C-alpha atoms as a PDB file:
ATOM      1  CA  MET A   1      -7.516   1.697  32.436  1.00  0.00           C
ATOM      2  CA  LYS A   2      -8.120   5.081  31.852  1.00  0.00           C
ATOM      3  CA  LEU A   3     -11.195   7.152  32.510  1.00  0.00           C
ATOM      4  CA  ARG A   4     -12.339  10.235  30.340  1.00  0.00           C
ATOM      5  CA  ILE A   5     -15.944  11.134  31.392  1.00  0.00           C
ATOM      6  CA  ASN A   6     -17.463  14.107  29.659  1.00  0.00           C
ATOM      7  CA  ARG A   7     -21.231  14.322  31.071  1.00  0.00           C
ATOM      8  CA  PRO A   8     -21.929  14.412  34.822  1.00  0.00           C
ATOM      9  CA  LEU A   9     -23.476  11.995  36.921  1.00  0.00           C
ATOM     10  CA  ASP A  10     -26.958  12.193  38.242  1.00  0.00           C
ATOM     11  CA  GLY A  11     -26.543  12.588  42.040  1.00  0.00           C
ATOM     12  CA  ARG A  12     -29.049   9.686  42.692  1.00  0.00           C
ATOM     13  CA  MET A  13     -27.208   7.050  40.417  1.00  0.00           C
ATOM     14  CA  LYS A  14     -23.524   8.375  41.246  1.00  0.00           C
ATOM     15  CA  ALA A  15     -22.393   5.948  43.742  1.00  0.00           C
ATOM     16  CA  ILE A  16     -24.091   2.947  41.670  1.00  0.00           C
ATOM     17  CA  VAL A  17     -22.598   4.151  38.663  1.00  0.00           C
ATOM     18  CA  GLU A  18     -19.347   4.677  39.898  1.00  0.00           C
ATOM     19  CA  LYS A  19     -19.338   1.112  41.415  1.00  0.00           C
ATOM     20  CA  ARG A  20     -20.234  -0.424  38.208  1.00  0.00           C
ATOM     21  CA  ASN A  21     -17.608   1.525  36.203  1.00  0.00           C
ATOM     22  CA  ASN A  22     -15.037   0.525  38.801  1.00  0.00           C
ATOM     23  CA  ARG A  23     -16.073  -3.216  38.254  1.00  0.00           C
ATOM     24  CA  LEU A  24     -15.688  -2.604  34.566  1.00  0.00           C
ATOM     25  CA  ARG A  25     -12.220  -1.162  34.852  1.00  0.00           C
ATOM     26  CA  GLU A  26     -11.152  -4.322  37.032  1.00  0.00           C
ATOM     27  CA  PHE A  27     -12.743  -6.541  34.573  1.00  0.00           C
ATOM     28  CA  PHE A  28     -10.447  -5.535  31.796  1.00  0.00           C
ATOM     29  CA  ALA A  29      -7.307  -4.744  33.886  1.00  0.00           C
ATOM     30  CA  SER A  30      -7.617  -8.278  35.023  1.00  0.00           C
ATOM     31  CA  LYS A  31      -7.375  -9.448  31.439  1.00  0.00           C
ATOM     32  CA  ASN A  32      -4.352  -7.179  30.702  1.00  0.00           C
ATOM     33  CA  LEU A  33      -6.131  -5.187  28.245  1.00  0.00           C
ATOM     34  CA  ASP A  34      -5.667  -1.231  27.787  1.00  0.00           C
ATOM     35  CA  VAL A  35      -8.860  -0.041  27.864  1.00  0.00           C
ATOM     36  CA  GLU A  36     -10.506   3.726  28.390  1.00  0.00           C
ATOM     37  CA  LEU A  37     -13.924   4.623  29.193  1.00  0.00           C
ATOM     38  CA  THR A  38     -15.099   7.750  27.847  1.00  0.00           C
ATOM     39  CA  GLY A  39     -18.280   9.788  27.038  1.00  0.00           C
ATOM     40  CA  ASP A  40     -21.199   9.352  29.305  1.00  0.00           C
ATOM     41  CA  ALA A  41     -20.675   7.570  32.609  1.00  0.00           C
ATOM     42  CA  GLU A  42     -23.614   5.863  32.700  1.00  0.00           C
ATOM     43  CA  ASN A  43     -23.295   4.331  29.274  1.00  0.00           C
ATOM     44  CA  PRO A  44     -19.425   4.902  28.707  1.00  0.00           C
ATOM     45  CA  MET A  45     -17.890   4.020  25.312  1.00  0.00           C
ATOM     46  CA  ILE A  46     -15.294   1.067  25.922  1.00  0.00           C
ATOM     47  CA  VAL A  47     -12.143   2.045  23.828  1.00  0.00           C
ATOM     48  CA  ILE A  48      -9.023  -0.139  23.203  1.00  0.00           C
ATOM     49  CA  GLY A  49      -5.723   1.415  22.233  1.00  0.00           C
ATOM     50  CA  GLN A  50      -7.130   4.783  21.144  1.00  0.00           C
ATOM     51  CA  ALA A  51      -8.162   2.795  18.050  1.00  0.00           C
ATOM     52  CA  ILE A  52     -11.625   1.077  18.441  1.00  0.00           C
ATOM     53  CA  SER A  53     -14.720   1.008  20.191  1.00  0.00           C
ATOM     54  CA  ILE A  54     -15.484  -2.421  20.966  1.00  0.00           C
ATOM     55  CA  ALA A  55     -18.665  -4.015  20.218  1.00  0.00           C
ATOM     56  CA  ALA A  56     -20.084  -4.132  23.982  1.00  0.00           C
ATOM     57  CA  TYR A  57     -22.090  -2.057  26.400  1.00  0.00           C
ATOM     58  CA  VAL A  58     -22.664  -2.005  29.927  1.00  0.00           C
ATOM     59  CA  LYS A  59     -26.507  -2.546  31.301  1.00  0.00           C
ATOM     60  CA  ASN A  60     -26.867  -2.557  35.304  1.00  0.00           C
ATOM     61  CA  PHE A  61     -23.930  -4.895  36.270  1.00  0.00           C
ATOM     62  CA  ASP A  62     -23.690  -6.875  33.097  1.00  0.00           C
ATOM     63  CA  LEU A  63     -21.093  -6.450  30.364  1.00  0.00           C
ATOM     64  CA  ILE A  64     -22.798  -7.528  27.003  1.00  0.00           C
ATOM     65  CA  PHE A  65     -20.592  -8.327  24.018  1.00  0.00           C
ATOM     66  CA  LEU A  66     -22.249  -7.980  20.661  1.00  0.00           C
ATOM     67  CA  ASP A  67     -21.304  -9.567  17.282  1.00  0.00           C
ATOM     68  CA  LYS A  68     -21.371  -5.858  15.771  1.00  0.00           C
ATOM     69  CA  SER A  69     -22.141  -2.382  17.483  1.00  0.00           C
ATOM     70  CA  HIS A  70     -24.886  -1.142  15.516  1.00  0.00           C
ATOM     71  CA  GLN A  71     -27.971  -3.555  15.590  1.00  0.00           C
ATOM     72  CA  GLY A  72     -25.839  -6.402  16.911  1.00  0.00           C
ATOM     73  CA  ASN A  73     -26.755  -9.489  18.374  1.00  0.00           C
ATOM     74  CA  THR A  74     -25.591 -10.906  21.768  1.00  0.00           C
ATOM     75  CA  LYS A  75     -22.531 -13.060  21.940  1.00  0.00           C
ATOM     76  CA  LYS A  76     -21.638 -13.177  25.733  1.00  0.00           C
ATOM     77  CA  ILE A  77     -22.614 -11.704  28.913  1.00  0.00           C
ATOM     78  CA  PHE A  78     -20.299 -11.284  31.915  1.00  0.00           C
ATOM     79  CA  LYS A  79     -21.479 -10.249  35.396  1.00  0.00           C
ATOM     80  CA  LEU A  80     -19.459  -7.392  36.764  1.00  0.00           C
ATOM     81  CA  THR A  81     -19.445  -9.122  40.405  1.00  0.00           C
ATOM     82  CA  HIS A  82     -16.910  -8.781  43.293  1.00  0.00           C
ATOM     83  CA  GLU A  83     -15.198 -11.668  41.820  1.00  0.00           C
ATOM     84  CA  VAL A  84     -13.911 -10.847  38.508  1.00  0.00           C
ATOM     85  CA  ALA A  85     -15.398 -13.172  35.518  1.00  0.00           C
ATOM     86  CA  GLY A  86     -13.852 -14.633  32.526  1.00  0.00           C
ATOM     87  CA  THR A  87     -10.595 -15.057  31.173  1.00  0.00           C
ATOM     88  CA  ARG A  88      -8.449 -13.012  28.773  1.00  0.00           C
ATOM     89  CA  ALA A  89      -8.576 -15.792  26.196  1.00  0.00           C
ATOM     90  CA  GLU A  90     -12.420 -15.753  26.543  1.00  0.00           C
ATOM     91  CA  VAL A  91     -12.762 -12.122  25.818  1.00  0.00           C
ATOM     92  CA  LEU A  92     -10.276 -12.056  23.207  1.00  0.00           C
ATOM     93  CA  SER A  93     -12.216 -14.888  21.338  1.00  0.00           C
ATOM     94  CA  VAL A  94     -15.548 -13.205  21.459  1.00  0.00           C
ATOM     95  CA  MET A  95     -13.760  -9.753  20.408  1.00  0.00           C
ATOM     96  CA  GLN A  96     -12.105 -11.628  17.402  1.00  0.00           C
ATOM     97  CA  GLU A  97     -15.345 -12.879  15.905  1.00  0.00           C
ATOM     98  CA  SER A  98     -16.999  -9.364  16.397  1.00  0.00           C
ATOM     99  CA  VAL A  99     -17.065  -6.290  14.242  1.00  0.00           C
ATOM    100  CA  HIS A 100     -16.042  -3.275  16.326  1.00  0.00           C
ATOM    101  CA  VAL A 101     -16.190   0.578  15.611  1.00  0.00           C
ATOM    102  CA  GLY A 102     -13.063   2.345  14.294  1.00  0.00           C
ATOM    103  CA  LEU A 103     -12.457   5.695  15.818  1.00  0.00           C
ATOM    104  CA  PHE A 104     -10.878   8.971  14.237  1.00  0.00           C
ATOM    105  CA  ARG A 105      -8.520  11.479  15.973  1.00  0.00           C
ATOM    106  CA  ILE A 106      -7.256  14.724  14.982  1.00  0.00           C
ATOM    107  CA  GLN A 107      -3.550  14.958  14.337  1.00  0.00           C
ATOM    108  CA  GLU A 108      -1.065  17.814  13.952  1.00  0.00           C
ATOM    109  CA  LYS A 109       0.147  17.629  10.433  1.00  0.00           C
ATOM    110  CA  ASN A 110       3.733  18.055  11.239  1.00  0.00           C
ATOM    111  CA  SER A 111       4.019  15.854  14.211  1.00  0.00           C
ATOM    112  CA  ASP A 112       2.936  12.532  16.034  1.00  0.00           C
ATOM    113  CA  LEU A 113       0.559  14.468  18.333  1.00  0.00           C
ATOM    114  CA  PHE A 114      -3.126  14.307  18.662  1.00  0.00           C
ATOM    115  CA  LEU A 115      -5.622  16.564  20.227  1.00  0.00           C
ATOM    116  CA  ALA A 116      -5.950  15.463  23.642  1.00  0.00           C
ATOM    117  CA  GLY A 117      -7.945  18.368  25.120  1.00  0.00           C
ATOM    118  CA  TYR A 118      -8.213  22.015  25.709  1.00  0.00           C
ATOM    119  CA  ASN A 119      -6.695  24.433  28.217  1.00  0.00           C
ATOM    120  CA  PHE A 120      -7.545  28.009  28.914  1.00  0.00           C
ATOM    121  CA  LYS A 121      -5.696  31.198  29.388  1.00  0.00           C
ATOM    122  CA  ASP A 122      -8.037  32.491  31.953  1.00  0.00           C
ATOM    123  CA  VAL A 123      -8.733  29.039  33.638  1.00  0.00           C
ATOM    124  CA  GLU A 124     -10.788  30.363  36.449  1.00  0.00           C
ATOM    125  CA  ASN A 125     -13.310  32.223  33.685  1.00  0.00           C
ATOM    126  CA  ARG A 126     -12.733  29.383  30.966  1.00  0.00           C
ATOM    127  CA  LYS A 127     -11.881  31.963  28.479  1.00  0.00           C
ATOM    128  CA  GLY A 128      -9.014  31.932  25.684  1.00  0.00           C
ATOM    129  CA  ARG A 129      -9.709  28.344  24.987  1.00  0.00           C
ATOM    130  CA  PHE A 130      -6.577  26.494  23.126  1.00  0.00           C
ATOM    131  CA  PRO A 131      -6.178  23.094  22.258  1.00  0.00           C
ATOM    132  CA  VAL A 132      -3.610  20.726  23.854  1.00  0.00           C
ATOM    133  CA  PHE A 133      -1.810  17.899  21.728  1.00  0.00           C
ATOM    134  CA  ALA A 134      -0.200  14.940  23.308  1.00  0.00           C
ATOM    135  CA  ARG A 135       0.654  11.125  22.278  1.00  0.00           C
ATOM    136  CA  GLU A 136      -1.739   9.438  24.883  1.00  0.00           C
ATOM    137  CA  MET A 137      -5.255  10.121  26.202  1.00  0.00           C
ATOM    138  CA  SER A 138      -6.248  11.735  22.816  1.00  0.00           C
ATOM    139  CA  ILE A 139      -9.780  12.512  22.265  1.00  0.00           C
ATOM    140  CA  VAL A 140     -11.403   9.977  19.880  1.00  0.00           C
ATOM    141  CA  TYR A 141     -14.525  10.444  17.564  1.00  0.00           C
ATOM    142  CA  LYS A 142     -17.050   7.880  16.626  1.00  0.00           C
ATOM    143  CA  THR A 143     -17.968   9.517  13.207  1.00  0.00           C
ATOM    144  CA  SER A 144     -15.777  11.030  10.568  1.00  0.00           C
ATOM    145  CA  GLU A 145     -18.523  13.770  10.552  1.00  0.00           C
ATOM    146  CA  ARG A 146     -17.775  15.005  13.945  1.00  0.00           C
ATOM    147  CA  ALA A 147     -13.990  14.845  13.642  1.00  0.00           C
ATOM    148  CA  GLU A 148     -14.034  16.842  10.496  1.00  0.00           C
ATOM    149  CA  GLU A 149     -16.386  19.396  12.125  1.00  0.00           C
ATOM    150  CA  MET A 150     -13.612  19.860  15.126  1.00  0.00           C
ATOM    151  CA  ARG A 151     -10.782  19.863  12.213  1.00  0.00           C
ATOM    152  CA  ALA A 152     -12.234  22.823  10.615  1.00  0.00           C
ATOM    153  CA  ILE A 153     -12.696  24.557  13.708  1.00  0.00           C
ATOM    154  CA  LEU A 154      -8.960  24.379  14.393  1.00  0.00           C
ATOM    155  CA  GLU A 155      -7.801  25.027  10.995  1.00  0.00           C
ATOM    156  CA  GLU A 156     -10.108  28.300  11.428  1.00  0.00           C
ATOM    157  CA  ASP A 157      -7.834  28.954  14.545  1.00  0.00           C
ATOM    158  CA  GLY A 158      -4.746  28.539  12.542  1.00  0.00           C
ATOM    159  CA  TYR A 159      -3.753  25.013  13.468  1.00  0.00           C
ATOM    160  CA  GLU A 160      -2.706  22.782  10.973  1.00  0.00           C
ATOM    161  CA  VAL A 161      -4.385  19.643  11.634  1.00  0.00           C
ATOM    162  CA  LYS A 162      -5.726  16.461   9.729  1.00  0.00           C
ATOM    163  CA  VAL A 163      -8.385  13.806  10.695  1.00  0.00           C
ATOM    164  CA  VAL A 164      -6.820  10.083  10.816  1.00  0.00           C
ATOM    165  CA  LYS A 165      -8.194   6.487  11.098  1.00  0.00           C
ATOM    166  CA  PRO A 166      -6.617   4.295  13.604  1.00  0.00           C
ATOM    167  CA  ASP A 167      -3.388   2.026  12.674  1.00  0.00           C
ATOM    168  CA  LEU A 168      -5.095  -1.556  13.457  1.00  0.00           C
ATOM    169  CA  ASN A 169      -1.763  -3.321  13.022  1.00  0.00           C
ATOM    170  CA  ARG A 170      -0.737  -1.923  16.280  1.00  0.00           C
ATOM    171  CA  LEU A 171      -3.575  -3.600  18.075  1.00  0.00           C
ATOM    172  CA  LYS A 172      -2.242  -6.990  16.935  1.00  0.00           C
ATOM    173  CA  VAL A 173       0.654  -6.639  19.436  1.00  0.00           C
ATOM    174  CA  HIS A 174      -2.009  -5.950  22.222  1.00  0.00           C
ATOM    175  CA  LEU A 175      -4.668  -8.207  21.248  1.00  0.00           C
ATOM    176  CA  GLY A 176      -2.784 -10.928  19.270  1.00  0.00           C
ATOM    177  CA  PHE A 177      -4.994 -10.196  16.158  1.00  0.00           C
ATOM    178  CA  VAL A 178      -6.063  -7.276  13.748  1.00  0.00           C
ATOM    179  CA  PRO A 179      -9.650  -6.601  14.785  1.00  0.00           C
ATOM    180  CA  MET A 180     -12.516  -6.236  12.437  1.00  0.00           C
ATOM    181  CA  VAL A 181     -13.831  -2.894  12.297  1.00  0.00           C
ATOM    182  CA  GLU A 182     -16.490  -0.493  10.397  1.00  0.00           C
ATOM    183  CA  TYR A 183     -16.281   3.236  10.442  1.00  0.00           C
ATOM    184  CA  TYR A 184     -19.142   5.622  10.604  1.00  0.00           C
ATOM    185  CA  ASP A 185     -19.732   8.870   8.810  1.00  0.00           C
ATOM    186  CA  LYS A 186     -22.472   9.859  10.617  1.00  0.00           C
ATOM    187  CA  LYS A 187     -24.085   8.339  13.644  1.00  0.00           C
ATOM    188  CA  PRO A 188     -26.230   5.635  12.957  1.00  0.00           C
ATOM    189  CA  VAL A 189     -29.859   5.968  13.442  1.00  0.00           C
ATOM    190  CA  LEU A 190     -31.050   3.813  16.275  1.00  0.00           C
ATOM    191  CA  THR A 191     -33.843   1.050  15.731  1.00  0.00           C
ATOM    192  CA  GLU A 192     -36.693   1.158  18.385  1.00  0.00           C
ATOM    193  CA  LYS A 193     -35.146  -1.679  20.049  1.00  0.00           C
ATOM    194  CA  GLU A 194     -31.793   0.100  20.272  1.00  0.00           C
ATOM    195  CA  VAL A 195     -33.328   3.322  21.640  1.00  0.00           C
ATOM    196  CA  HIS A 196     -35.067   1.041  24.434  1.00  0.00           C
ATOM    197  CA  THR A 197     -31.724  -0.594  25.392  1.00  0.00           C
ATOM    198  CA  ASN A 198     -29.936   2.848  25.422  1.00  0.00           C
ATOM    199  CA  GLU A 199     -32.493   4.198  27.849  1.00  0.00           C
ATOM    200  CA  GLN A 200     -31.960   0.898  30.250  1.00  0.00           C
ATOM    201  CA  GLN A 201     -28.223   1.226  30.170  1.00  0.00           C
ATOM    202  CA  GLY A 202     -26.224   2.407  33.328  1.00  0.00           C
END
């Protein structure tokens, strides 16, 4: 289980959210699922194999699985309690019947390395930023639009890179099936119901 959080936590919520996310990590670790939490700590994207964002979200101490990520219906709710709920078979069964979001990555054209972050020539003042490429912990993008924006920036700086979709067949070894996915060109427009749900998450 890996954690890559971009937005700092609000001080009042920090202890609660960290406790909830710890239980979320324990939930997936107990199912032997290689999951990374990324993005907003209060509403993290749950990523498997640097390839898909699973059709699920957390609200308070509930892990809610959907039949699809955008405008999806609830399929299963697991309580994130001290005693870990559910089995690997239960979780995989729900995931196999759902449509997840395929993620984009930025890859060096002449290698199998992916954009994993940035470093700075002047670390103290965060100046002279340059990209770091690696095989693991790569940055994932939910929309091709955002990935293409970053590709263009890197190419302007002289890097030869391309935007790639995941090899979903690799997930079959880990999950036992090839997941169904949809790809987003742009971020979906949330319905009024989804906006309210997102505001309540965390």
